[in-house]
Amino acid sequence: MAFAFMSGKAAALGGIFSNHLTPGTHRRVFGYHRMLSKRFPFAIYYDLHKNEIRIWRVLDCRRDPHWLKLQLTRGRKL
């Protein structure tokens, strides 16, 4: 059940890119492209790999900048 829920969320995020924006045109922050939400205080951090968009994190922009950096750099070398 959780897998089906997350699959639906991933498809919805993919629709954001395919319907409204050109991937890779967003400002790079901590090594990732960052797309800011217009309606909510969230940012989608993603990377491009061949023909794929790989979403790394969706983070609340109201958090401490140090915490945001930690979340983005954890598990990946810049």
C-alpha atoms as a PDB file:
ATOM      1  CA  MET A   1       0.000   0.000   0.000  1.00  0.00           C
ATOM      2  CA  ALA A   2       2.818   2.466   0.841  1.00  0.00           C
ATOM      3  CA  PHE A   3       4.533   1.654  -2.453  1.00  0.00           C
ATOM      4  CA  ALA A   4       1.365   2.460  -4.422  1.00  0.00           C
ATOM      5  CA  PHE A   5       0.996   5.735  -2.518  1.00  0.00           C
ATOM      6  CA  MET A   6       4.591   6.794  -3.208  1.00  0.00           C
ATOM      7  CA  SER A   7       4.345   5.715  -6.854  1.00  0.00           C
ATOM      8  CA  GLY A   8       1.422   8.083  -7.255  1.00  0.00           C
ATOM      9  CA  LYS A   9       3.405  10.895  -5.652  1.00  0.00           C
ATOM     10  CA  ALA A  10       6.373  10.285  -7.946  1.00  0.00           C
ATOM     11  CA  ALA A  11       4.092  10.400 -10.983  1.00  0.00           C
ATOM     12  CA  ALA A  12       2.609  13.681  -9.765  1.00  0.00           C
ATOM     13  CA  LEU A  13       6.071  15.215  -9.328  1.00  0.00           C
ATOM     14  CA  GLY A  14       7.023  14.045 -12.797  1.00  0.00           C
ATOM     15  CA  GLY A  15       3.963  15.851 -14.131  1.00  0.00           C
ATOM     16  CA  ILE A  16       5.223  19.102 -12.630  1.00  0.00           C
ATOM     17  CA  PHE A  17       8.309  18.949 -14.807  1.00  0.00           C
ATOM     18  CA  SER A  18       6.739  17.633 -17.983  1.00  0.00           C
ATOM     19  CA  ASN A  19       3.741  19.955 -18.043  1.00  0.00           C
ATOM     20  CA  HIS A  20       5.151  23.298 -16.916  1.00  0.00           C
ATOM     21  CA  LEU A  21       8.917  23.516 -16.823  1.00  0.00           C
ATOM     22  CA  THR A  22      12.101  22.665 -18.601  1.00  0.00           C
ATOM     23  CA  PRO A  23      14.263  20.479 -16.327  1.00  0.00           C
ATOM     24  CA  GLY A  24      17.782  21.687 -15.724  1.00  0.00           C
ATOM     25  CA  THR A  25      16.988  25.386 -16.086  1.00  0.00           C
ATOM     26  CA  HIS A  26      16.749  26.000 -12.350  1.00  0.00           C
ATOM     27  CA  ARG A  27      19.479  27.492 -10.193  1.00  0.00           C
ATOM     28  CA  ARG A  28      21.931  24.989  -8.752  1.00  0.00           C
ATOM     29  CA  VAL A  29      22.199  24.887  -4.955  1.00  0.00           C
ATOM     30  CA  PHE A  30      24.617  22.510  -3.189  1.00  0.00           C
ATOM     31  CA  GLY A  31      25.094  20.616  -6.444  1.00  0.00           C
ATOM     32  CA  TYR A  32      21.386  20.131  -7.250  1.00  0.00           C
ATOM     33  CA  HIS A  33      18.895  22.007  -9.363  1.00  0.00           C
ATOM     34  CA  ARG A  34      16.360  23.711  -7.091  1.00  0.00           C
ATOM     35  CA  MET A  35      12.774  24.338  -8.136  1.00  0.00           C
ATOM     36  CA  LEU A  36      10.802  26.509  -5.741  1.00  0.00           C
ATOM     37  CA  SER A  37       7.109  25.897  -5.266  1.00  0.00           C
ATOM     38  CA  LYS A  38       4.930  28.903  -6.033  1.00  0.00           C
ATOM     39  CA  ARG A  39       2.117  27.852  -3.745  1.00  0.00           C
ATOM     40  CA  PHE A  40       3.898  26.323  -0.739  1.00  0.00           C
ATOM     41  CA  PRO A  41       7.213  27.055   1.037  1.00  0.00           C
ATOM     42  CA  PHE A  42       8.918  23.962  -0.369  1.00  0.00           C
ATOM     43  CA  ALA A  43      11.778  23.391  -2.766  1.00  0.00           C
ATOM     44  CA  ILE A  44      12.369  20.361  -4.954  1.00  0.00           C
ATOM     45  CA  TYR A  45      16.037  19.507  -5.309  1.00  0.00           C
ATOM     46  CA  TYR A  46      16.779  17.333  -8.308  1.00  0.00           C
ATOM     47  CA  ASP A  47      19.518  16.192 -10.623  1.00  0.00           C
ATOM     48  CA  LEU A  48      19.533  15.125 -14.247  1.00  0.00           C
ATOM     49  CA  HIS A  49      20.984  11.784 -15.297  1.00  0.00           C
ATOM     50  CA  LYS A  50      20.798  10.984 -19.019  1.00  0.00           C
ATOM     51  CA  ASN A  51      17.054  11.266 -19.763  1.00  0.00           C
ATOM     52  CA  GLU A  52      15.934  10.991 -16.133  1.00  0.00           C
ATOM     53  CA  ILE A  53      15.044  13.524 -13.490  1.00  0.00           C
ATOM     54  CA  ARG A  54      16.171  12.210 -10.111  1.00  0.00           C
ATOM     55  CA  ILE A  55      14.525  13.970  -7.202  1.00  0.00           C
ATOM     56  CA  TRP A  56      16.897  14.015  -4.241  1.00  0.00           C
ATOM     57  CA  ARG A  57      14.859  15.895  -1.633  1.00  0.00           C
ATOM     58  CA  VAL A  58      11.688  17.949  -1.197  1.00  0.00           C
ATOM     59  CA  LEU A  59      12.425  20.303   1.691  1.00  0.00           C
ATOM     60  CA  ASP A  60      10.615  22.974   3.680  1.00  0.00           C
ATOM     61  CA  CYS A  61      12.258  26.338   2.952  1.00  0.00           C
ATOM     62  CA  ARG A  62      11.293  27.638   6.399  1.00  0.00           C
ATOM     63  CA  ARG A  63      13.904  25.391   8.035  1.00  0.00           C
ATOM     64  CA  ASP A  64      17.301  26.580   9.217  1.00  0.00           C
ATOM     65  CA  PRO A  65      19.705  26.948   6.246  1.00  0.00           C
ATOM     66  CA  HIS A  66      22.300  24.813   8.049  1.00  0.00           C
ATOM     67  CA  TRP A  67      19.740  21.994   8.376  1.00  0.00           C
ATOM     68  CA  LEU A  68      18.860  22.305   4.684  1.00  0.00           C
ATOM     69  CA  LYS A  69      22.522  22.034   3.708  1.00  0.00           C
ATOM     70  CA  LEU A  70      22.932  18.972   5.916  1.00  0.00           C
ATOM     71  CA  GLN A  71      19.951  17.279   4.264  1.00  0.00           C
ATOM     72  CA  LEU A  72      21.271  18.008   0.782  1.00  0.00           C
ATOM     73  CA  THR A  73      24.856  16.947   1.371  1.00  0.00           C
ATOM     74  CA  ARG A  74      24.120  13.837   3.454  1.00  0.00           C
ATOM     75  CA  GLY A  75      24.950  10.706   1.502  1.00  0.00           C
ATOM     76  CA  ARG A  76      26.568  12.475  -1.420  1.00  0.00           C
ATOM     77  CA  LYS A  77      29.919  14.122  -2.009  1.00  0.00           C
ATOM     78  CA  LEU A  78      29.825  17.524  -3.672  1.00  0.00           C
END
